[in-house]
């Protein structure tokens, strides 16, 4: 299915970041790898075992209390929670984050057709910025305008409306591409057309 059909009559497209433009796990698993390497270096514990445990715990139980679960399993001092959290914000990743192939092609088509691209992302602003800096954008970065919802301390719906106002557009002239019910709800609040990113990259 040609994804461009969704935006033929649109002027702007607004994206979330995680699990929309790239898989969030591609970032998190590299953070866990770096943390395990750090613990091996400082505490002489085997990094590979820690990495395998964290991957399994993340895939089965998500990020909630992942440090606590790992610390309990391997006898890691609670003081290293600080290092774990800091890595999420400033980790220098071994590998660049790669956009979903179909999403990359979709965004490139938007640029060719002179559609404006915005990213409105929730979560820790430093962490989200770190992801953006370490993504392979293939030249798209010059066409992106980014808003960090937590930094602005605004609801996404309010940011969406401000983007429309700043560009003198109606809701019908924009599209939000998200990955969860929250994004859908925020879009609906101001009658913004919304699609799930799965429709584009799978």
N, C-alpha and C. Protein backbone atom coordinates (compact mmCIF):
# COMPACT_ATOMS: atom_id res chain seq x y z
N UNK A 1 0.84 -1.20 0.00
CA UNK A 1 0.00 0.00 0.00
C UNK A 1 0.88 1.25 0.00
N UNK A 2 0.56 2.20 -0.86
CA UNK A 2 1.34 3.43 -0.95
C UNK A 2 0.99 4.34 0.22
N UNK A 3 1.97 4.52 1.12
CA UNK A 3 1.72 5.32 2.31
C UNK A 3 1.42 6.77 1.97
N UNK A 4 1.91 7.23 0.83
CA UNK A 4 1.72 8.64 0.48
C UNK A 4 0.25 9.00 0.28
N UNK A 5 -0.58 8.01 0.07
CA UNK A 5 -2.02 8.28 -0.10
C UNK A 5 -2.61 8.99 1.11
N UNK A 6 -1.99 8.77 2.29
CA UNK A 6 -2.51 9.37 3.53
C UNK A 6 -2.28 10.88 3.58
N UNK A 7 -1.34 11.38 2.80
CA UNK A 7 -0.93 12.78 2.97
C UNK A 7 -1.04 13.62 1.70
N UNK A 8 -1.70 13.11 0.70
CA UNK A 8 -1.81 13.87 -0.55
C UNK A 8 -2.44 15.24 -0.33
N UNK A 9 -3.41 15.31 0.58
CA UNK A 9 -4.09 16.58 0.82
C UNK A 9 -3.62 17.25 2.11
N UNK A 10 -2.47 16.83 2.65
CA UNK A 10 -1.94 17.40 3.89
C UNK A 10 -0.77 18.34 3.61
N UNK A 11 -0.55 19.24 4.54
CA UNK A 11 0.60 20.15 4.45
C UNK A 11 1.71 19.76 5.42
N UNK A 12 1.34 19.18 6.55
CA UNK A 12 2.34 18.78 7.54
C UNK A 12 2.03 17.38 8.07
N UNK A 13 3.08 16.71 8.55
CA UNK A 13 2.93 15.42 9.20
C UNK A 13 3.71 15.48 10.52
N UNK A 14 3.06 15.03 11.57
CA UNK A 14 3.65 15.07 12.92
C UNK A 14 3.88 13.63 13.38
N UNK A 15 5.11 13.34 13.77
CA UNK A 15 5.49 11.99 14.19
C UNK A 15 5.85 11.95 15.67
N UNK A 16 5.58 10.82 16.32
CA UNK A 16 6.25 10.48 17.58
C UNK A 16 7.59 9.88 17.19
N UNK A 17 8.40 9.52 18.18
CA UNK A 17 9.74 9.02 17.92
C UNK A 17 9.81 7.50 18.12
N UNK A 18 9.64 7.08 19.39
CA UNK A 18 9.82 5.67 19.75
C UNK A 18 8.75 4.79 19.13
N UNK A 19 9.19 3.72 18.51
CA UNK A 19 8.31 2.73 17.88
C UNK A 19 7.44 3.32 16.78
N UNK A 20 7.81 4.50 16.33
CA UNK A 20 7.17 5.12 15.17
C UNK A 20 8.21 5.30 14.07
N UNK A 21 9.30 5.98 14.42
CA UNK A 21 10.38 6.17 13.43
C UNK A 21 11.43 5.07 13.51
N UNK A 22 11.64 4.56 14.71
CA UNK A 22 12.56 3.43 14.90
C UNK A 22 12.12 2.65 16.13
N UNK A 23 12.58 1.40 16.28
CA UNK A 23 12.20 0.62 17.47
C UNK A 23 12.91 1.15 18.72
N UNK A 24 12.15 1.45 19.75
CA UNK A 24 12.76 1.95 20.99
C UNK A 24 13.76 0.94 21.56
N UNK A 25 13.49 -0.34 21.36
CA UNK A 25 14.38 -1.36 21.92
C UNK A 25 15.79 -1.27 21.34
N UNK A 26 15.93 -0.73 20.12
CA UNK A 26 17.26 -0.60 19.52
C UNK A 26 18.13 0.35 20.33
N UNK A 27 17.50 1.32 20.99
CA UNK A 27 18.22 2.23 21.87
C UNK A 27 18.46 1.59 23.24
N UNK A 28 17.39 1.07 23.83
CA UNK A 28 17.47 0.55 25.19
C UNK A 28 18.44 -0.62 25.31
N UNK A 29 18.42 -1.53 24.36
CA UNK A 29 19.32 -2.70 24.45
C UNK A 29 20.78 -2.29 24.36
N UNK A 30 21.07 -1.22 23.63
CA UNK A 30 22.45 -0.73 23.58
C UNK A 30 22.84 -0.06 24.91
N UNK A 31 21.87 0.62 25.54
CA UNK A 31 22.12 1.20 26.86
C UNK A 31 22.42 0.08 27.87
N UNK A 32 21.65 -1.00 27.81
CA UNK A 32 21.87 -2.11 28.73
C UNK A 32 23.24 -2.76 28.49
N UNK A 33 23.62 -2.86 27.24
CA UNK A 33 24.93 -3.41 26.89
C UNK A 33 26.04 -2.56 27.51
N UNK A 34 25.93 -1.24 27.37
CA UNK A 34 26.94 -0.34 27.92
C UNK A 34 26.98 -0.40 29.45
N UNK A 35 25.80 -0.53 30.06
CA UNK A 35 25.75 -0.63 31.52
C UNK A 35 26.41 -1.92 32.00
N UNK A 36 26.14 -3.01 31.31
CA UNK A 36 26.75 -4.29 31.67
C UNK A 36 28.27 -4.23 31.53
N UNK A 37 28.74 -3.58 30.49
CA UNK A 37 30.19 -3.42 30.31
C UNK A 37 30.79 -2.58 31.44
N UNK A 38 30.07 -1.55 31.85
CA UNK A 38 30.52 -0.70 32.95
C UNK A 38 30.62 -1.49 34.26
N UNK A 39 29.61 -2.32 34.53
CA UNK A 39 29.61 -3.13 35.75
C UNK A 39 30.73 -4.17 35.71
N UNK A 40 30.97 -4.73 34.56
CA UNK A 40 32.08 -5.69 34.44
C UNK A 40 33.40 -5.02 34.76
N UNK A 41 33.57 -3.81 34.27
CA UNK A 41 34.83 -3.07 34.47
C UNK A 41 35.00 -2.64 35.93
N UNK A 42 33.91 -2.18 36.57
CA UNK A 42 34.02 -1.65 37.93
C UNK A 42 33.88 -2.71 39.02
N UNK A 43 33.10 -3.76 38.75
CA UNK A 43 32.80 -4.75 39.79
C UNK A 43 33.24 -6.17 39.43
N UNK A 44 33.88 -6.32 38.27
CA UNK A 44 34.39 -7.63 37.83
C UNK A 44 33.29 -8.71 37.79
N UNK A 45 32.12 -8.29 37.37
CA UNK A 45 31.02 -9.24 37.14
C UNK A 45 30.93 -9.48 35.64
N UNK A 46 30.46 -10.63 35.24
CA UNK A 46 30.44 -10.99 33.83
C UNK A 46 29.38 -10.21 33.06
N UNK A 47 29.83 -9.40 32.11
CA UNK A 47 28.93 -8.54 31.35
C UNK A 47 27.92 -9.36 30.55
N UNK A 48 28.36 -10.44 29.93
CA UNK A 48 27.49 -11.18 29.04
C UNK A 48 26.26 -11.72 29.77
N UNK A 49 26.47 -12.21 30.99
CA UNK A 49 25.35 -12.73 31.76
C UNK A 49 24.36 -11.62 32.11
N UNK A 50 24.90 -10.46 32.45
CA UNK A 50 24.04 -9.32 32.79
C UNK A 50 23.25 -8.87 31.56
N UNK A 51 23.92 -8.80 30.42
CA UNK A 51 23.26 -8.39 29.18
C UNK A 51 22.11 -9.34 28.84
N UNK A 52 22.38 -10.63 28.91
CA UNK A 52 21.36 -11.62 28.57
C UNK A 52 20.17 -11.55 29.53
N UNK A 53 20.47 -11.32 30.81
CA UNK A 53 19.40 -11.20 31.80
C UNK A 53 18.54 -9.96 31.52
N UNK A 54 19.20 -8.84 31.27
CA UNK A 54 18.47 -7.58 31.06
C UNK A 54 17.63 -7.66 29.78
N UNK A 55 18.17 -8.26 28.76
CA UNK A 55 17.41 -8.40 27.52
C UNK A 55 16.14 -9.23 27.76
N UNK A 56 16.32 -10.34 28.46
CA UNK A 56 15.18 -11.22 28.73
C UNK A 56 14.14 -10.53 29.60
N UNK A 57 14.61 -9.86 30.65
CA UNK A 57 13.69 -9.16 31.56
C UNK A 57 12.95 -8.04 30.84
N UNK A 58 13.67 -7.32 29.98
CA UNK A 58 13.04 -6.24 29.23
C UNK A 58 11.98 -6.78 28.27
N UNK A 59 12.32 -7.84 27.56
CA UNK A 59 11.39 -8.40 26.58
C UNK A 59 10.15 -9.00 27.23
N UNK A 60 10.32 -9.49 28.46
CA UNK A 60 9.19 -10.14 29.15
C UNK A 60 8.44 -9.22 30.11
N UNK A 61 9.14 -8.22 30.64
CA UNK A 61 8.51 -7.38 31.65
C UNK A 61 8.64 -5.89 31.45
N UNK A 62 9.28 -5.48 30.37
CA UNK A 62 9.42 -4.05 30.09
C UNK A 62 10.50 -3.38 30.93
N UNK A 63 10.47 -2.06 30.96
CA UNK A 63 11.53 -1.29 31.61
C UNK A 63 11.29 -1.06 33.11
N UNK A 64 10.08 -1.29 33.59
CA UNK A 64 9.74 -0.98 34.97
C UNK A 64 10.60 -1.77 35.95
N UNK A 65 11.33 -1.04 36.80
CA UNK A 65 12.19 -1.63 37.84
C UNK A 65 13.23 -2.60 37.26
N UNK A 66 13.66 -2.35 36.05
CA UNK A 66 14.64 -3.24 35.44
C UNK A 66 15.97 -3.20 36.17
N UNK A 67 16.38 -2.01 36.61
CA UNK A 67 17.62 -1.94 37.38
C UNK A 67 17.50 -2.76 38.67
N UNK A 68 16.39 -2.58 39.38
CA UNK A 68 16.21 -3.30 40.65
C UNK A 68 16.24 -4.81 40.44
N UNK A 69 15.59 -5.28 39.40
CA UNK A 69 15.58 -6.72 39.11
C UNK A 69 16.98 -7.22 38.79
N UNK A 70 17.72 -6.43 38.03
CA UNK A 70 19.08 -6.82 37.65
C UNK A 70 20.01 -6.77 38.85
N UNK A 71 19.86 -5.73 39.65
CA UNK A 71 20.71 -5.58 40.84
C UNK A 71 20.49 -6.74 41.81
N UNK A 72 19.25 -7.15 41.99
CA UNK A 72 18.94 -8.27 42.88
C UNK A 72 19.53 -9.58 42.34
N UNK A 73 19.48 -9.76 41.05
CA UNK A 73 19.97 -11.00 40.43
C UNK A 73 21.49 -11.12 40.53
N UNK A 74 22.20 -10.00 40.42
CA UNK A 74 23.66 -10.05 40.33
C UNK A 74 24.38 -9.39 41.51
N UNK A 75 23.61 -8.96 42.52
CA UNK A 75 24.25 -8.34 43.68
C UNK A 75 24.92 -7.03 43.34
N UNK A 76 24.26 -6.21 42.53
CA UNK A 76 24.81 -4.91 42.12
C UNK A 76 24.37 -3.85 43.11
N UNK A 77 25.32 -3.05 43.58
CA UNK A 77 25.04 -2.01 44.57
C UNK A 77 24.03 -0.99 44.03
N UNK A 78 23.13 -0.55 44.90
CA UNK A 78 22.08 0.40 44.51
C UNK A 78 22.66 1.72 44.03
N UNK A 79 23.89 2.03 44.40
CA UNK A 79 24.49 3.30 43.98
C UNK A 79 24.63 3.39 42.46
N UNK A 80 24.65 2.24 41.79
CA UNK A 80 24.83 2.23 40.35
C UNK A 80 23.54 2.55 39.58
N UNK A 81 22.44 2.75 40.33
CA UNK A 81 21.20 3.22 39.70
C UNK A 81 21.47 4.56 38.99
N UNK A 82 22.29 5.39 39.61
CA UNK A 82 22.63 6.69 39.03
C UNK A 82 23.28 6.53 37.66
N UNK A 83 24.25 5.62 37.59
CA UNK A 83 24.93 5.38 36.32
C UNK A 83 24.00 4.82 35.26
N UNK A 84 23.12 3.94 35.70
CA UNK A 84 22.13 3.33 34.81
C UNK A 84 21.21 4.40 34.22
N UNK A 85 20.71 5.29 35.08
CA UNK A 85 19.82 6.35 34.63
C UNK A 85 20.55 7.34 33.72
N UNK A 86 21.80 7.67 34.09
CA UNK A 86 22.57 8.63 33.31
C UNK A 86 22.85 8.11 31.90
N UNK A 87 23.13 6.83 31.81
CA UNK A 87 23.38 6.23 30.50
C UNK A 87 22.19 6.39 29.57
N UNK A 88 20.99 6.32 30.11
CA UNK A 88 19.79 6.50 29.28
C UNK A 88 19.77 7.89 28.63
N UNK A 89 20.39 8.86 29.31
CA UNK A 89 20.35 10.24 28.81
C UNK A 89 21.52 10.59 27.91
N UNK A 90 22.69 9.99 28.16
CA UNK A 90 23.86 10.45 27.41
C UNK A 90 24.72 9.35 26.80
N UNK A 91 24.19 8.14 26.70
CA UNK A 91 24.98 7.02 26.17
C UNK A 91 25.45 7.31 24.74
N UNK A 92 26.72 7.00 24.48
CA UNK A 92 27.24 7.05 23.12
C UNK A 92 27.09 5.65 22.56
N UNK A 93 26.15 5.46 21.69
CA UNK A 93 25.79 4.13 21.24
C UNK A 93 26.85 3.51 20.33
N UNK A 94 27.08 2.21 20.46
CA UNK A 94 28.00 1.53 19.54
C UNK A 94 27.49 1.57 18.10
N UNK A 95 26.16 1.53 17.93
CA UNK A 95 25.56 1.50 16.60
C UNK A 95 24.53 2.61 16.46
N UNK A 96 24.47 3.24 15.30
CA UNK A 96 23.46 4.26 15.03
C UNK A 96 22.07 3.63 15.04
N UNK A 97 21.09 4.42 15.43
CA UNK A 97 19.70 3.99 15.34
C UNK A 97 19.24 4.14 13.89
N UNK A 98 18.56 3.13 13.38
CA UNK A 98 18.12 3.14 12.00
C UNK A 98 16.61 3.27 11.92
N UNK A 99 16.15 4.14 11.05
CA UNK A 99 14.72 4.31 10.83
C UNK A 99 14.15 3.05 10.19
N UNK A 100 12.88 2.77 10.51
CA UNK A 100 12.19 1.71 9.77
C UNK A 100 12.32 2.04 8.28
N UNK A 101 12.59 1.05 7.48
CA UNK A 101 12.83 1.27 6.05
C UNK A 101 11.65 1.97 5.37
N UNK A 102 10.45 1.48 5.61
CA UNK A 102 9.29 2.09 4.98
C UNK A 102 9.02 3.49 5.49
N UNK A 103 9.38 3.73 6.77
CA UNK A 103 9.19 5.07 7.32
C UNK A 103 10.20 6.04 6.71
N UNK A 104 11.42 5.58 6.51
CA UNK A 104 12.44 6.40 5.85
C UNK A 104 11.96 6.80 4.45
N UNK A 105 11.47 5.84 3.71
CA UNK A 105 10.99 6.11 2.35
C UNK A 105 9.79 7.06 2.37
N UNK A 106 8.92 6.89 3.35
CA UNK A 106 7.76 7.77 3.50
C UNK A 106 8.19 9.20 3.78
N UNK A 107 9.14 9.38 4.69
CA UNK A 107 9.61 10.72 5.04
C UNK A 107 10.35 11.37 3.87
N UNK A 108 11.10 10.57 3.13
CA UNK A 108 11.79 11.11 1.96
C UNK A 108 10.79 11.60 0.92
N UNK A 109 9.69 10.88 0.80
CA UNK A 109 8.64 11.29 -0.14
C UNK A 109 7.97 12.58 0.33
N UNK A 110 7.82 12.72 1.63
CA UNK A 110 7.26 13.96 2.17
C UNK A 110 8.14 15.16 1.81
N UNK A 111 9.44 14.98 1.95
CA UNK A 111 10.38 16.06 1.63
C UNK A 111 10.32 16.42 0.16
N UNK A 112 10.32 15.41 -0.69
CA UNK A 112 10.27 15.64 -2.14
C UNK A 112 9.02 16.44 -2.51
N UNK A 113 7.92 16.17 -1.80
CA UNK A 113 6.66 16.84 -2.09
C UNK A 113 6.42 18.07 -1.22
N UNK A 114 7.48 18.53 -0.57
CA UNK A 114 7.47 19.77 0.20
C UNK A 114 6.45 19.81 1.33
N UNK A 115 6.29 18.66 1.97
CA UNK A 115 5.46 18.60 3.17
C UNK A 115 6.36 18.86 4.38
N UNK A 116 5.86 19.60 5.35
CA UNK A 116 6.65 19.88 6.55
C UNK A 116 6.58 18.70 7.51
N UNK A 117 7.72 18.41 8.16
CA UNK A 117 7.82 17.28 9.07
C UNK A 117 8.11 17.79 10.49
N UNK A 118 7.28 17.35 11.43
CA UNK A 118 7.47 17.69 12.84
C UNK A 118 7.59 16.40 13.66
N UNK A 119 8.38 16.46 14.72
CA UNK A 119 8.44 15.38 15.70
C UNK A 119 7.99 15.97 17.03
N UNK A 120 6.97 15.38 17.62
CA UNK A 120 6.52 15.78 18.97
C UNK A 120 6.65 14.54 19.83
N UNK A 121 7.61 14.56 20.75
CA UNK A 121 7.92 13.35 21.51
C UNK A 121 7.80 13.55 23.00
N UNK A 122 7.28 12.53 23.66
CA UNK A 122 7.17 12.51 25.12
C UNK A 122 8.39 11.80 25.71
N UNK A 123 8.54 11.94 27.03
CA UNK A 123 9.66 11.29 27.71
C UNK A 123 10.74 12.28 28.08
N UNK A 124 11.76 11.79 28.78
CA UNK A 124 12.86 12.64 29.24
C UNK A 124 13.47 13.37 28.05
N UNK A 125 13.47 14.71 28.05
CA UNK A 125 13.96 15.46 26.89
C UNK A 125 15.41 15.16 26.53
N UNK A 126 16.27 15.01 27.54
CA UNK A 126 17.68 14.71 27.26
C UNK A 126 17.83 13.35 26.58
N UNK A 127 17.06 12.39 27.07
CA UNK A 127 17.12 11.05 26.49
C UNK A 127 16.59 11.07 25.05
N UNK A 128 15.48 11.76 24.83
CA UNK A 128 14.91 11.81 23.49
C UNK A 128 15.84 12.53 22.52
N UNK A 129 16.47 13.60 23.00
CA UNK A 129 17.44 14.31 22.16
C UNK A 129 18.64 13.43 21.84
N UNK A 130 19.07 12.65 22.81
CA UNK A 130 20.19 11.74 22.59
C UNK A 130 19.87 10.72 21.50
N UNK A 131 18.64 10.25 21.51
CA UNK A 131 18.21 9.32 20.44
C UNK A 131 18.26 9.99 19.08
N UNK A 132 17.74 11.22 19.03
CA UNK A 132 17.70 11.95 17.76
C UNK A 132 19.11 12.17 17.22
N UNK A 133 20.03 12.54 18.12
CA UNK A 133 21.42 12.79 17.69
C UNK A 133 22.10 11.54 17.17
N UNK A 134 21.65 10.38 17.62
CA UNK A 134 22.33 9.14 17.23
C UNK A 134 21.51 8.29 16.26
N UNK A 135 20.62 8.96 15.57
CA UNK A 135 19.84 8.31 14.53
C UNK A 135 20.44 8.61 13.16
N UNK A 136 20.47 7.63 12.31
CA UNK A 136 20.90 7.84 10.92
C UNK A 136 19.70 8.37 10.14
N UNK A 137 19.71 9.67 9.88
CA UNK A 137 18.57 10.33 9.25
C UNK A 137 18.67 10.36 7.73
N UNK A 138 19.81 9.98 7.20
CA UNK A 138 19.99 9.98 5.74
C UNK A 138 19.68 11.34 5.10
N UNK A 139 20.09 12.40 5.79
CA UNK A 139 19.90 13.75 5.26
C UNK A 139 18.58 14.40 5.64
N UNK A 140 17.69 13.65 6.29
CA UNK A 140 16.38 14.20 6.65
C UNK A 140 16.45 15.20 7.80
N UNK A 141 17.53 15.16 8.59
CA UNK A 141 17.58 15.97 9.80
C UNK A 141 17.36 17.46 9.53
N UNK A 142 17.76 17.94 8.36
CA UNK A 142 17.61 19.36 8.05
C UNK A 142 16.16 19.77 7.83
N UNK A 143 15.29 18.77 7.68
CA UNK A 143 13.87 19.05 7.43
C UNK A 143 13.00 18.83 8.66
N UNK A 144 13.61 18.51 9.79
CA UNK A 144 12.84 18.17 10.99
C UNK A 144 12.71 19.37 11.93
N UNK A 145 11.52 19.53 12.50
CA UNK A 145 11.31 20.46 13.60
C UNK A 145 10.82 19.63 14.78
N UNK A 146 11.54 19.73 15.91
CA UNK A 146 11.29 18.83 17.04
C UNK A 146 10.75 19.60 18.26
N UNK A 147 9.75 19.01 18.90
CA UNK A 147 9.21 19.55 20.15
C UNK A 147 9.27 18.45 21.21
N UNK A 148 9.76 18.80 22.40
CA UNK A 148 9.82 17.86 23.52
C UNK A 148 8.69 18.22 24.50
N UNK A 149 7.67 17.37 24.55
CA UNK A 149 6.48 17.68 25.33
C UNK A 149 6.80 17.90 26.81
N UNK A 150 7.69 17.07 27.37
CA UNK A 150 8.00 17.18 28.80
C UNK A 150 8.77 18.46 29.11
N UNK A 151 9.60 18.90 28.17
CA UNK A 151 10.36 20.13 28.36
C UNK A 151 9.44 21.35 28.30
N UNK A 152 8.49 21.31 27.39
CA UNK A 152 7.54 22.42 27.25
C UNK A 152 6.47 22.39 28.34
N UNK A 153 6.35 21.22 29.00
CA UNK A 153 5.33 21.03 30.04
C UNK A 153 3.94 21.31 29.48
N UNK A 154 3.72 20.78 28.28
CA UNK A 154 2.43 20.95 27.62
C UNK A 154 1.89 19.59 27.18
N UNK A 155 0.58 19.48 27.12
CA UNK A 155 -0.03 18.29 26.56
C UNK A 155 0.25 18.26 25.07
N UNK A 156 0.32 17.07 24.52
CA UNK A 156 0.59 16.96 23.09
C UNK A 156 -0.47 17.69 22.27
N UNK A 157 -1.71 17.58 22.69
CA UNK A 157 -2.79 18.24 21.94
C UNK A 157 -2.54 19.74 21.83
N UNK A 158 -2.02 20.33 22.90
CA UNK A 158 -1.72 21.77 22.89
C UNK A 158 -0.58 22.07 21.92
N UNK A 159 0.43 21.21 21.91
CA UNK A 159 1.55 21.40 20.98
C UNK A 159 1.07 21.24 19.54
N UNK A 160 0.25 20.23 19.32
CA UNK A 160 -0.32 20.04 17.98
C UNK A 160 -1.05 21.30 17.51
N UNK A 161 -1.89 21.85 18.40
CA UNK A 161 -2.67 23.02 18.05
C UNK A 161 -1.76 24.21 17.76
N UNK A 162 -0.70 24.36 18.54
CA UNK A 162 0.24 25.47 18.32
C UNK A 162 0.94 25.34 16.97
N UNK A 163 1.26 24.10 16.59
CA UNK A 163 1.88 23.87 15.28
C UNK A 163 0.92 24.28 14.17
N UNK A 164 -0.34 23.90 14.31
CA UNK A 164 -1.34 24.29 13.31
C UNK A 164 -1.47 25.82 13.24
N UNK A 165 -1.53 26.45 14.41
CA UNK A 165 -1.68 27.90 14.45
C UNK A 165 -0.48 28.61 13.82
N UNK A 166 0.71 28.13 14.14
CA UNK A 166 1.94 28.76 13.63
C UNK A 166 2.06 28.63 12.11
N UNK A 167 1.41 27.60 11.57
CA UNK A 167 1.48 27.37 10.12
C UNK A 167 0.18 27.75 9.41
N UNK A 168 -0.73 28.40 10.15
CA UNK A 168 -2.01 28.85 9.61
C UNK A 168 -2.76 27.73 8.89
N UNK A 169 -2.84 26.58 9.57
CA UNK A 169 -3.47 25.40 8.99
C UNK A 169 -4.66 24.94 9.83
N UNK A 170 -5.59 24.27 9.18
CA UNK A 170 -6.68 23.61 9.89
C UNK A 170 -6.26 22.18 10.22
N UNK A 171 -7.02 21.54 11.10
CA UNK A 171 -6.70 20.17 11.49
C UNK A 171 -6.70 19.22 10.29
N UNK A 172 -7.57 19.47 9.33
CA UNK A 172 -7.69 18.59 8.17
C UNK A 172 -6.45 18.63 7.27
N UNK A 173 -5.62 19.64 7.46
CA UNK A 173 -4.42 19.79 6.62
C UNK A 173 -3.19 19.13 7.24
N UNK A 174 -3.38 18.42 8.35
CA UNK A 174 -2.26 17.78 9.05
C UNK A 174 -2.57 16.32 9.32
N UNK A 175 -1.54 15.57 9.63
CA UNK A 175 -1.69 14.16 9.99
C UNK A 175 -0.72 13.83 11.12
N UNK A 176 -1.20 13.09 12.12
CA UNK A 176 -0.34 12.62 13.20
C UNK A 176 -0.08 11.13 12.99
N UNK A 177 1.19 10.75 13.10
CA UNK A 177 1.58 9.34 13.00
C UNK A 177 2.11 8.92 14.36
N UNK A 178 1.40 8.02 15.03
CA UNK A 178 1.78 7.60 16.37
C UNK A 178 1.81 6.10 16.51
N UNK A 179 1.96 5.64 17.77
CA UNK A 179 2.06 4.20 18.00
C UNK A 179 1.25 3.72 19.19
N UNK A 180 0.51 4.62 19.82
CA UNK A 180 -0.22 4.19 21.02
C UNK A 180 -1.54 4.96 21.17
N UNK A 181 -2.34 4.51 22.12
CA UNK A 181 -3.66 5.11 22.34
C UNK A 181 -3.56 6.55 22.81
N UNK A 182 -2.49 6.87 23.54
CA UNK A 182 -2.33 8.23 24.04
C UNK A 182 -2.20 9.21 22.88
N UNK A 183 -1.36 8.88 21.90
CA UNK A 183 -1.20 9.74 20.73
C UNK A 183 -2.53 9.90 20.00
N UNK A 184 -3.27 8.80 19.89
CA UNK A 184 -4.56 8.85 19.22
C UNK A 184 -5.54 9.76 19.96
N UNK A 185 -5.56 9.65 21.29
CA UNK A 185 -6.46 10.46 22.11
C UNK A 185 -6.13 11.95 22.01
N UNK A 186 -4.82 12.26 22.06
CA UNK A 186 -4.39 13.66 21.98
C UNK A 186 -4.76 14.26 20.62
N UNK A 187 -4.65 13.47 19.58
CA UNK A 187 -5.02 13.94 18.24
C UNK A 187 -6.52 14.19 18.15
N UNK A 188 -7.27 13.26 18.72
CA UNK A 188 -8.74 13.36 18.65
C UNK A 188 -9.26 14.60 19.37
N UNK A 189 -8.56 15.04 20.41
CA UNK A 189 -8.99 16.21 21.18
C UNK A 189 -9.14 17.45 20.31
N UNK A 190 -8.32 17.55 19.25
CA UNK A 190 -8.42 18.72 18.37
C UNK A 190 -8.78 18.30 16.93
N UNK A 191 -9.37 17.09 16.83
CA UNK A 191 -9.87 16.59 15.55
C UNK A 191 -8.80 16.44 14.48
N UNK A 192 -7.59 16.09 14.92
CA UNK A 192 -6.49 15.86 13.98
C UNK A 192 -6.57 14.45 13.41
N UNK A 193 -6.47 14.30 12.10
CA UNK A 193 -6.40 12.96 11.52
C UNK A 193 -5.19 12.21 12.10
N UNK A 194 -5.39 10.92 12.35
CA UNK A 194 -4.36 10.12 13.02
C UNK A 194 -4.28 8.74 12.39
N UNK A 195 -3.06 8.24 12.22
CA UNK A 195 -2.88 6.85 11.82
C UNK A 195 -1.81 6.20 12.70
N UNK A 196 -1.92 4.91 12.86
CA UNK A 196 -0.92 4.14 13.59
C UNK A 196 0.24 3.86 12.64
N UNK A 197 1.45 4.03 13.13
CA UNK A 197 2.64 3.88 12.29
C UNK A 197 2.73 2.51 11.65
N UNK A 198 2.15 1.50 12.30
CA UNK A 198 2.16 0.15 11.75
C UNK A 198 1.60 0.11 10.33
N UNK A 199 0.68 1.01 10.04
CA UNK A 199 0.08 1.02 8.71
C UNK A 199 1.07 1.44 7.64
N UNK A 200 2.13 2.11 8.07
CA UNK A 200 3.14 2.59 7.11
C UNK A 200 4.32 1.62 7.00
N UNK A 201 4.83 1.15 8.14
CA UNK A 201 6.08 0.39 8.04
C UNK A 201 5.91 -1.11 8.09
N UNK A 202 4.68 -1.63 8.02
CA UNK A 202 4.54 -3.09 7.96
C UNK A 202 3.53 -3.45 6.87
